[in-house]
Protein backbone atom coordinates (compact mmCIF):
# COMPACT_ATOMS: atom_id res chain seq x y z
CA UNK A 1 43.37 106.32 76.65
CA UNK A 2 44.51 103.30 78.65
CA UNK A 3 47.64 103.17 76.54
CA UNK A 4 48.40 106.68 77.64
CA UNK A 5 47.91 105.77 81.31
CA UNK A 6 50.14 102.73 80.91
CA UNK A 7 52.88 104.95 79.54
CA UNK A 8 52.56 107.29 82.53
CA UNK A 9 52.84 104.39 84.97
CA UNK A 10 55.96 103.11 83.29
CA UNK A 11 57.39 106.62 83.24
CA UNK A 12 56.66 107.03 86.96
CA UNK A 13 58.28 103.66 87.61
CA UNK A 14 61.47 104.81 85.92
CA UNK A 15 61.48 108.01 87.91
CA UNK A 16 61.05 106.02 91.11
CA UNK A 17 64.00 103.84 90.13
CA UNK A 18 66.05 106.94 89.34
CA UNK A 19 65.19 108.40 92.75
CA UNK A 20 66.14 105.16 94.47
CA UNK A 21 69.47 105.04 92.62
CA UNK A 22 70.06 108.69 93.44
CA UNK A 23 69.39 108.01 97.12
CA UNK A 24 71.78 105.03 97.12
CA UNK A 25 74.44 107.16 95.44
CA UNK A 26 74.00 109.88 98.07
CA UNK A 27 74.29 107.33 100.88
CA UNK A 28 77.44 105.89 99.32
CA UNK A 29 78.82 109.39 98.90
CA UNK A 30 78.03 110.20 102.53
CA UNK A 31 79.84 107.06 103.67
CA UNK A 32 82.82 107.94 101.48
CA UNK A 33 82.91 111.47 102.91
CA UNK A 34 82.81 110.13 106.46
CA UNK A 35 85.69 107.79 105.65
CA UNK A 36 87.70 110.64 104.14
CA UNK A 37 86.97 112.86 107.14
CA UNK A 38 88.19 110.17 109.54
CA UNK A 39 91.37 109.70 107.50
CA UNK A 40 91.92 113.45 107.46
CA UNK A 41 91.52 113.62 111.24
CA UNK A 42 94.11 110.84 111.72
CA UNK A 43 96.62 112.48 109.38
CA UNK A 44 96.24 115.89 111.03
CA UNK A 45 96.52 114.37 114.51
CA UNK A 46 99.73 112.54 113.59
CA UNK A 47 101.21 115.66 112.03
CA UNK A 48 100.29 117.73 115.09
CA UNK A 49 101.84 115.12 117.40
CA UNK A 50 105.11 115.24 115.47
CA UNK A 51 105.18 119.05 115.55
CA UNK A 52 104.37 119.22 119.26
CA UNK A 53 107.05 116.63 120.01
CA UNK A 54 109.62 118.59 118.00
CA UNK A 55 108.63 121.81 119.76
CA UNK A 56 109.68 120.39 123.14
CA UNK A 57 113.35 120.76 122.24
CA UNK A 58 115.34 123.91 121.62
CA UNK A 59 117.13 122.35 118.68
CA UNK A 60 116.15 121.97 115.09
CA UNK A 61 114.03 118.84 114.54
CA UNK A 62 115.69 115.92 112.82
CA UNK A 63 115.50 115.91 109.04
CA UNK A 64 113.46 112.70 109.22
CA UNK A 65 110.87 114.43 111.41
CA UNK A 66 110.69 117.40 109.05
CA UNK A 67 110.30 115.01 106.12
CA UNK A 68 107.45 113.14 107.83
CA UNK A 69 105.67 116.41 108.63
CA UNK A 70 106.00 117.48 104.99
CA UNK A 71 104.81 114.09 103.72
CA UNK A 72 101.80 114.28 106.01
CA UNK A 73 101.06 117.77 104.69
CA UNK A 74 101.05 116.38 101.15
CA UNK A 75 98.77 113.53 102.20
CA UNK A 76 96.41 115.97 103.94
CA UNK A 77 96.24 118.12 100.80
CA UNK A 78 95.54 115.04 98.66
CA UNK A 79 92.72 113.83 100.92
CA UNK A 80 91.21 117.33 101.00
CA UNK A 81 91.32 117.46 97.19
CA UNK A 82 89.54 114.10 96.90
CA UNK A 83 86.94 115.25 99.45
CA UNK A 84 86.34 118.42 97.41
CA UNK A 85 85.90 116.33 94.25
CA UNK A 86 83.39 114.11 96.04
CA UNK A 87 81.44 117.15 97.27
CA UNK A 88 81.32 118.54 93.72
CA UNK A 89 80.01 115.20 92.41
CA UNK A 90 77.40 115.09 95.13
CA UNK A 91 76.22 118.63 94.42
CA UNK A 92 75.67 118.01 90.71
């Protein structure tokens, strides 16, 4: 009988360890998501600034400005994709 109880204690100890690891993983994931969100905000703000600056003139924006806006759009899409992957991992 005591052998059975000892097994249960060990089993509960493993579950507690698993829960602790799961909590640490969630905290790390939350920190990663916050970092990605801040990066996304910076990229979008820079892109918006470039667009608003270009809109002040009645001429076509310079090719370099258009290229930077497009590159920022690609970077935004990439960060959003990584954030989606992280959310999927977290929800598993």
